[in-house]
Amino acid sequence: MQNELEKLGIKKLGFGLMRLPRLENGAMDLEQIRQMTDLFLEHGFTYFDTAYVYDGGLSEQAARDALVRRHPRDSFQLATKLNARIAENREAAERQLQTSLERTEAGYFDFYLLHAVGLGSLPMYDEYRIWDFAARMKAAGKVRHWGFSFHAGPDLLDRLLTEHPEAEFVQLQLNYADWEDSRVASRRCYEVARAHGKPVVVMEPVKGGTLANPPERVRSILTAADPDVSPASWALRFAASQEGILTVLSGMSSVEQMRDNLQTMTGFTRLTEAQLETVEQARKALVSVESIGCTACRYCVDGCPMKIPIPDIFRAMNEHLIFDTTGTARRRYRNATKERGRATDCVACGQCEAACPQQLPVIRLLKECAKVLETE
């Protein structure tokens, strides 16, 4: 039976406002963001996703300036999120909703999420009774629908959906790279959500850009199957081809990325069995390539006492691991750490590992990065 949210007819591409384009001075590139927003709406897509913590609030303000102030409120759906992990108490957590409403000037949110629920953050969501708060805000008309984004294993997801059947949807990391991964357990979490009858909003369909620019052995498989389709297109269509998907979020950073995704998802049809087999071949090829599965969400950065740019270091290390360009990797590392902490500055406090949605052994990985990247 089709879920009530699925009956809304939201198209399968959502605009994730997490990796918005910036100007050289670091400010949001509002001109380009407005152009991307207009293109998105002109093609019939309507779902926009931001969060209280994205870019220190600049993402929600960009939603206001590019979307809310320029388009009729009933022409789009806007989602944002409450992050209990960063709140010092229940009142501070609840105030995030009002702050988000003020930043966006949206009046209400079509979709409201408890952000990054996992083993580390769950105690705060429970202690602050945020589950009840979300339900109250729906009753008050400040949110239309609510759910949660999830970063843990299928057993915990099953427990949460059993304890909180009132949650209307789940946002999950779903991509072909993580489909059978033992840590992320993308497929198994998806199956739990569907067993509970919950539609799924997909995050990280291209795994932080990894599947948009995959290793050559992966790219060659996809290109041989269809030379006119980009690797990002394969990843988006794989996610959108699963049953019960409400929409697939893509964190687009340029007009060019927007155009490519619109070309892929306008008139979307599910992958055929032959195409799914191509994706499976690509997945197996990707698994054989050693790399660090960081999606550059940057949740680990703000709390680091040594100001180590962990995602940038991991990106440099992946240059070495995936493309065997060690010189480029070391240059990237030097630039990233020029005025920040280096990998060897890690004091092993563990806050990064507690914050990591990918459950990466960050401390160990930084030591490995140091051995390769700090050697001249």
Protein backbone atom coordinates (compact mmCIF):
# COMPACT_ATOMS: atom_id res chain seq x y z
CA MET A 1 0.00 0.00 0.00
CA GLN A 2 1.29 3.47 -0.90
CA ASN A 3 2.27 5.62 2.07
CA GLU A 4 0.52 8.99 2.51
CA LEU A 5 3.77 10.86 1.88
CA GLU A 6 4.34 8.94 -1.34
CA LYS A 7 0.95 10.18 -2.54
CA LEU A 8 2.33 13.74 -2.49
CA GLY A 9 3.99 12.96 -5.81
CA ILE A 10 7.33 14.57 -4.97
CA LYS A 11 9.76 13.99 -7.80
CA LYS A 12 12.79 11.79 -7.24
CA LEU A 13 15.43 14.52 -7.12
CA GLY A 14 15.84 16.76 -4.07
CA PHE A 15 18.17 19.76 -3.82
CA GLY A 16 20.50 19.26 -0.85
CA LEU A 17 21.71 22.64 0.43
CA MET A 18 24.78 21.29 2.22
CA ARG A 19 27.49 21.83 -0.41
CA LEU A 20 26.42 25.13 -1.93
CA PRO A 21 28.83 27.10 -4.14
CA ARG A 22 31.04 29.71 -2.50
CA LEU A 23 32.83 32.82 -3.71
CA GLU A 24 36.58 33.19 -3.35
CA ASN A 25 36.09 35.15 -0.12
CA GLY A 26 34.11 32.26 1.38
CA ALA A 27 30.67 33.88 1.12
CA MET A 28 27.75 32.03 -0.42
CA ASP A 29 27.54 32.49 -4.19
CA LEU A 30 23.93 33.67 -4.06
CA GLU A 31 23.75 34.53 -7.75
CA GLN A 32 24.65 30.97 -8.69
CA ILE A 33 22.43 29.49 -5.96
CA ARG A 34 19.47 31.50 -7.26
CA GLN A 35 20.14 30.26 -10.79
CA MET A 36 20.33 26.66 -9.56
CA THR A 37 17.11 27.09 -7.57
CA ASP A 38 15.25 28.52 -10.55
CA LEU A 39 16.44 25.73 -12.85
CA PHE A 40 15.38 23.13 -10.30
CA LEU A 41 11.87 24.53 -10.00
CA GLU A 42 11.51 25.13 -13.75
CA HIS A 43 12.04 21.40 -14.32
CA GLY A 44 9.25 20.51 -11.89
CA PHE A 45 11.36 19.52 -8.88
CA THR A 46 10.27 20.94 -5.54
CA TYR A 47 12.08 19.37 -2.52
CA PHE A 48 14.81 21.43 -0.80
CA ASP A 49 16.79 20.13 2.18
CA THR A 50 18.81 22.16 4.68
CA ALA A 51 19.64 21.96 8.41
CA TYR A 52 20.15 24.18 11.44
CA VAL A 53 23.87 23.33 11.51
CA TYR A 54 24.69 23.53 7.80
CA ASP A 55 27.35 26.16 7.22
CA GLY A 56 26.66 27.76 10.59
CA GLY A 57 23.18 28.81 9.48
CA LEU A 58 24.23 30.20 6.09
CA SER A 59 22.50 27.33 4.30
CA GLU A 60 19.13 28.21 5.85
CA GLN A 61 19.71 31.87 5.00
CA ALA A 62 20.52 30.89 1.41
CA ALA A 63 17.21 29.01 1.30
CA ARG A 64 15.52 32.24 2.35
CA ASP A 65 17.30 34.43 -0.20
CA ALA A 66 17.23 32.07 -3.18
CA LEU A 67 13.95 30.27 -2.57
CA VAL A 68 11.50 31.55 0.04
CA ARG A 69 11.63 35.26 -0.83
CA ARG A 70 11.49 34.60 -4.58
CA HIS A 71 8.93 31.83 -5.09
CA PRO A 72 5.37 31.16 -3.87
CA ARG A 73 5.41 29.17 -0.62
CA ASP A 74 3.14 26.47 -2.01
CA SER A 75 5.43 25.85 -5.00
CA PHE A 76 8.06 23.91 -3.04
CA GLN A 77 8.72 21.72 0.00
CA LEU A 78 11.39 22.83 2.47
CA ALA A 79 13.01 20.45 4.94
CA THR A 80 15.33 21.31 7.81
CA LYS A 81 16.69 19.54 10.88
CA LEU A 82 17.15 19.88 14.64
CA ASN A 83 20.50 18.71 16.01
CA ALA A 84 20.19 17.76 19.70
CA ARG A 85 23.86 16.82 19.94
CA ILE A 86 25.00 20.44 19.87
CA ALA A 87 22.37 21.71 22.34
CA GLU A 88 23.33 22.18 25.98
CA ASN A 89 19.80 21.45 27.22
CA ARG A 90 16.23 20.73 26.15
CA GLU A 91 15.26 24.39 25.82
CA ALA A 92 18.23 25.12 23.56
CA ALA A 93 17.36 22.14 21.38
CA GLU A 94 13.76 23.28 21.01
CA ARG A 95 14.83 26.85 20.18
CA GLN A 96 16.53 25.57 17.04
CA LEU A 97 13.14 25.30 15.32
CA GLN A 98 12.28 28.93 15.96
CA THR A 99 15.74 30.00 14.83
CA SER A 100 15.33 27.99 11.62
CA LEU A 101 11.94 29.59 11.00
CA GLU A 102 13.47 33.04 11.50
CA ARG A 103 16.46 32.32 9.27
CA THR A 104 14.38 30.93 6.41
CA GLU A 105 11.22 33.04 6.82
CA ALA A 106 9.42 29.92 5.60
CA GLY A 107 6.46 30.17 8.00
CA TYR A 108 6.47 26.40 8.45
CA PHE A 109 8.53 23.42 7.35
CA ASP A 110 7.06 20.77 5.10
CA PHE A 111 9.50 18.20 6.50
CA TYR A 112 11.29 18.39 9.85
CA LEU A 113 13.97 15.93 10.91
CA LEU A 114 15.78 14.87 14.04
CA HIS A 115 19.29 15.21 12.66
CA ALA A 116 21.90 12.41 12.49
CA VAL A 117 20.31 10.05 14.97
CA GLY A 118 22.81 7.37 15.98
CA LEU A 119 24.36 5.70 18.99
CA GLY A 120 26.21 8.84 20.06
CA SER A 121 23.34 11.30 19.67
CA LEU A 122 20.34 9.16 20.66
CA PRO A 123 20.68 9.81 24.43
CA MET A 124 20.21 13.55 23.82
CA TYR A 125 17.14 13.04 21.64
CA ASP A 126 15.65 10.84 24.34
CA GLU A 127 16.68 12.99 27.31
CA TYR A 128 15.38 16.19 25.70
CA ARG A 129 12.20 14.40 24.54
CA ILE A 130 12.66 15.69 21.01
CA TRP A 131 10.44 12.92 19.63
CA ASP A 132 7.53 14.41 21.56
CA PHE A 133 8.56 17.94 20.59
CA ALA A 134 8.43 17.11 16.87
CA ALA A 135 4.96 15.63 17.27
CA ARG A 136 3.80 18.75 19.16
CA MET A 137 5.17 21.04 16.49
CA LYS A 138 3.26 19.10 13.85
CA ALA A 139 0.06 19.50 15.88
CA ALA A 140 0.84 23.24 16.17
CA GLY A 141 1.23 23.56 12.40
CA LYS A 142 4.89 24.57 12.46
CA VAL A 143 5.86 21.39 10.61
CA ARG A 144 3.77 19.36 8.21
CA HIS A 145 5.62 16.04 8.45
CA TRP A 146 8.47 14.83 10.64
CA GLY A 147 10.99 12.03 10.73
CA PHE A 148 14.70 11.55 11.34
CA SER A 149 17.99 11.10 9.52
CA PHE A 150 19.81 8.00 10.67
CA HIS A 151 23.46 6.95 10.97
CA ALA A 152 23.71 3.56 12.66
CA GLY A 153 22.87 -0.11 12.14
CA PRO A 154 19.63 -1.86 11.19
CA ASP A 155 18.97 -3.24 14.68
CA LEU A 156 18.85 0.23 16.21
CA LEU A 157 16.72 1.51 13.33
CA ASP A 158 14.24 -1.32 13.89
CA ARG A 159 14.05 -0.46 17.59
CA LEU A 160 13.50 3.24 16.97
CA LEU A 161 10.76 2.69 14.42
CA THR A 162 9.09 0.24 16.80
CA GLU A 163 9.28 2.75 19.68
CA HIS A 164 8.32 5.73 17.53
CA PRO A 165 5.83 4.58 14.90
CA GLU A 166 4.59 8.19 14.67
CA ALA A 167 7.75 9.13 12.75
CA GLU A 168 6.55 9.50 9.18
CA PHE A 169 9.73 8.92 7.19
CA VAL A 170 13.44 8.10 7.52
CA GLN A 171 16.40 9.69 5.78
CA LEU A 172 19.09 7.12 5.03
CA GLN A 173 22.49 7.01 3.38
CA LEU A 174 21.80 4.92 0.32
CA ASN A 175 24.19 4.39 -2.56
CA TYR A 176 25.59 1.44 -4.44
CA ALA A 177 29.00 1.76 -2.76
CA ASP A 178 27.45 1.26 0.70
CA TRP A 179 24.69 -1.13 -0.34
CA GLU A 180 26.48 -4.15 1.13
CA ASP A 181 28.98 -2.31 3.36
CA SER A 182 29.11 -3.87 6.83
CA ARG A 183 29.42 -0.50 8.64
CA VAL A 184 26.85 1.60 6.80
CA ALA A 185 24.58 -1.39 6.03
CA SER A 186 22.69 0.65 3.45
CA ARG A 187 20.56 -2.18 2.08
CA ARG A 188 19.68 -3.63 5.47
CA CYS A 189 18.66 -0.25 6.90
CA TYR A 190 16.55 0.41 3.81
CA GLU A 191 14.82 -2.94 4.23
CA VAL A 192 14.05 -2.16 7.89
CA ALA A 193 12.45 1.15 6.94
CA ARG A 194 10.33 -0.51 4.29
CA ALA A 195 9.31 -3.30 6.68
CA HIS A 196 7.90 -0.57 8.94
CA GLY A 197 6.12 1.03 5.99
CA LYS A 198 8.22 4.21 6.09
CA PRO A 199 9.16 6.05 2.90
CA VAL A 200 12.85 6.88 2.57
CA VAL A 201 14.57 10.15 1.73
CA VAL A 202 17.98 9.29 0.33
CA MET A 203 21.11 11.16 1.40
CA GLU A 204 24.63 10.70 0.01
CA PRO A 205 23.55 8.98 -3.23
CA VAL A 206 26.96 9.78 -4.74
CA LYS A 207 28.81 9.29 -1.42
CA GLY A 208 30.15 12.81 -1.04
CA GLY A 209 31.15 12.96 -4.70
CA THR A 210 33.08 9.69 -4.76
CA LEU A 211 30.64 8.09 -7.20
CA ALA A 212 30.64 11.17 -9.41
CA ASN A 213 34.37 10.78 -9.95
CA PRO A 214 35.07 7.09 -9.32
CA PRO A 215 38.34 5.20 -9.91
CA GLU A 216 39.05 4.36 -13.53
CA ARG A 217 38.22 0.66 -13.14
CA VAL A 218 34.72 1.67 -11.99
CA ARG A 219 34.27 4.41 -14.59
CA SER A 220 35.25 2.06 -17.42
CA ILE A 221 32.48 -0.39 -16.49
CA LEU A 222 29.84 2.35 -16.50
CA THR A 223 31.15 3.97 -19.67
CA ALA A 224 31.19 0.66 -21.52
CA ALA A 225 27.53 0.16 -20.65
CA ASP A 226 26.51 3.69 -21.72
CA PRO A 227 29.14 6.22 -22.82
CA ASP A 228 26.60 9.08 -22.82
CA VAL A 229 25.70 8.80 -19.12
CA SER A 230 27.80 10.29 -16.32
CA PRO A 231 28.92 8.23 -13.30
CA ALA A 232 26.81 10.52 -11.07
CA SER A 233 23.77 9.67 -13.16
CA TRP A 234 24.24 5.95 -12.53
CA ALA A 235 24.46 6.57 -8.79
CA LEU A 236 21.37 8.79 -8.64
CA ARG A 237 19.29 6.39 -10.70
CA PHE A 238 20.34 3.42 -8.59
CA ALA A 239 19.09 5.12 -5.44
CA ALA A 240 15.89 6.37 -7.05
CA SER A 241 15.13 2.93 -8.49
CA GLN A 242 14.41 1.40 -5.08
CA GLU A 243 10.78 1.07 -4.01
CA GLY A 244 9.38 3.54 -1.51
CA ILE A 245 11.85 6.36 -2.18
CA LEU A 246 10.33 9.76 -1.47
CA THR A 247 13.19 11.68 -3.08
CA VAL A 248 16.96 11.49 -3.60
CA LEU A 249 18.99 14.41 -2.24
CA SER A 250 21.91 15.66 -4.26
CA GLY A 251 24.23 18.24 -2.72
CA MET A 252 24.91 20.20 -5.88
CA SER A 253 27.69 22.82 -5.88
CA SER A 254 27.42 24.36 -9.35
CA VAL A 255 25.00 25.09 -12.18
CA GLU A 256 26.79 22.41 -14.22
CA GLN A 257 26.08 19.75 -11.58
CA MET A 258 22.47 20.92 -11.43
CA ARG A 259 22.07 20.62 -15.20
CA ASP A 260 23.58 17.12 -15.23
CA ASN A 261 21.29 15.95 -12.44
CA LEU A 262 18.23 17.51 -14.05
CA GLN A 263 19.05 15.78 -17.32
CA THR A 264 19.32 12.48 -15.44
CA MET A 265 16.18 12.78 -13.33
CA THR A 266 13.74 14.57 -15.64
CA GLY A 267 11.44 11.86 -16.92
CA PHE A 268 13.13 9.36 -14.58
CA THR A 269 12.53 5.65 -15.11
CA ARG A 270 13.90 2.86 -12.93
CA LEU A 271 17.03 1.00 -13.96
CA THR A 272 16.50 -2.18 -15.93
CA GLU A 273 17.77 -5.53 -14.71
CA ALA A 274 20.71 -5.24 -17.12
CA GLN A 275 21.55 -1.78 -15.82
CA LEU A 276 21.32 -2.96 -12.22
CA GLU A 277 23.79 -5.70 -13.09
CA THR A 278 26.14 -3.04 -14.47
CA VAL A 279 25.90 -1.16 -11.18
CA GLU A 280 26.64 -4.37 -9.29
CA GLN A 281 29.78 -4.88 -11.36
CA ALA A 282 30.80 -1.30 -10.60
CA ARG A 283 30.16 -1.87 -6.89
CA LYS A 284 32.39 -4.93 -6.82
CA ALA A 285 35.13 -3.05 -8.68
CA LEU A 286 34.87 -0.17 -6.20
CA VAL A 287 35.16 -2.48 -3.20
CA SER A 288 38.46 -3.73 -4.58
CA VAL A 289 39.91 -0.21 -4.47
CA GLU A 290 41.35 0.79 -1.10
CA SER A 291 40.11 4.19 0.03
CA ILE A 292 38.82 6.13 3.03
CA GLY A 293 35.03 6.29 2.96
CA CYS A 294 34.74 9.92 4.09
CA THR A 295 31.84 11.91 2.62
CA ALA A 296 33.18 15.32 3.76
CA CYS A 297 30.13 16.07 5.90
CA ARG A 298 32.56 17.89 8.24
CA TYR A 299 30.68 16.92 11.41
CA CYS A 300 34.08 15.97 12.86
CA VAL A 301 35.72 19.34 12.31
CA ASP A 302 33.97 21.84 14.58
CA GLY A 303 34.68 19.96 17.80
CA CYS A 304 38.30 19.09 17.05
CA PRO A 305 40.48 20.72 19.75
CA MET A 306 43.48 20.72 17.42
CA LYS A 307 41.58 22.25 14.45
CA ILE A 308 42.54 19.39 12.17
CA PRO A 309 40.81 19.54 8.74
CA ILE A 310 40.08 15.82 8.80
CA PRO A 311 37.99 15.55 5.59
CA ASP A 312 40.62 17.49 3.62
CA ILE A 313 43.36 15.19 4.89
CA PHE A 314 41.31 12.13 3.95
CA ARG A 315 40.68 13.59 0.51
CA ALA A 316 44.41 14.00 0.04
CA MET A 317 45.01 10.43 1.19
CA ASN A 318 42.45 9.15 -1.30
CA GLU A 319 44.40 10.86 -4.08
CA HIS A 320 47.24 8.56 -3.08
CA LEU A 321 45.15 5.44 -2.56
CA ILE A 322 42.77 5.64 -5.53
CA PHE A 323 44.74 7.44 -8.21
CA ASP A 324 48.32 6.69 -7.10
CA THR A 325 49.22 10.39 -7.39
CA THR A 326 51.29 10.67 -4.23
CA GLY A 327 52.90 13.99 -5.19
CA THR A 328 49.50 15.60 -5.72
CA ALA A 329 48.28 14.06 -2.48
CA ARG A 330 51.15 15.57 -0.49
CA ARG A 331 50.64 19.00 -2.06
CA ARG A 332 46.94 18.85 -1.24
CA TYR A 333 47.80 17.86 2.33
CA ARG A 334 50.28 20.73 2.75
CA ASN A 335 47.73 23.26 1.49
CA ALA A 336 44.97 21.88 3.71
CA THR A 337 47.08 21.97 6.87
CA LYS A 338 49.04 25.18 6.21
CA GLU A 339 47.19 27.13 8.90
CA ARG A 340 45.39 24.24 10.58
CA GLY A 341 46.29 21.17 12.59
CA ARG A 342 48.23 18.34 10.97
CA ALA A 343 47.47 14.64 11.23
CA THR A 344 50.26 14.20 13.79
CA ASP A 345 48.63 16.84 16.02
CA CYS A 346 45.76 14.46 16.85
CA VAL A 347 45.41 13.97 20.63
CA ALA A 348 43.06 10.98 20.24
CA CYS A 349 40.21 12.64 22.17
CA GLY A 350 37.71 10.65 20.12
CA GLN A 351 35.12 13.38 19.48
CA CYS A 352 35.59 12.94 15.72
CA GLU A 353 34.79 9.23 15.88
CA ALA A 354 31.68 9.90 17.96
CA ALA A 355 30.49 12.44 15.36
CA CYS A 356 31.34 10.45 12.21
CA PRO A 357 28.23 9.19 10.37
CA GLN A 358 30.42 6.69 8.51
CA GLN A 359 31.73 5.24 11.79
CA LEU A 360 35.30 5.60 10.56
CA PRO A 361 38.27 4.84 12.84
CA VAL A 362 39.43 8.42 12.41
CA ILE A 363 42.28 8.31 14.94
CA ARG A 364 43.91 5.30 13.31
CA LEU A 365 43.36 6.70 9.82
CA LEU A 366 45.03 9.99 10.72
CA LYS A 367 48.12 8.08 11.84
CA GLU A 368 48.19 6.25 8.50
CA CYS A 369 47.77 9.54 6.64
CA ALA A 370 50.68 11.06 8.53
CA LYS A 371 53.00 8.22 7.52
CA VAL A 372 52.29 8.82 3.82
CA LEU A 373 51.55 12.52 3.54
CA GLU A 374 54.05 14.05 5.96
CA THR A 375 56.96 12.29 4.26
CA GLU A 376 58.80 14.42 1.73
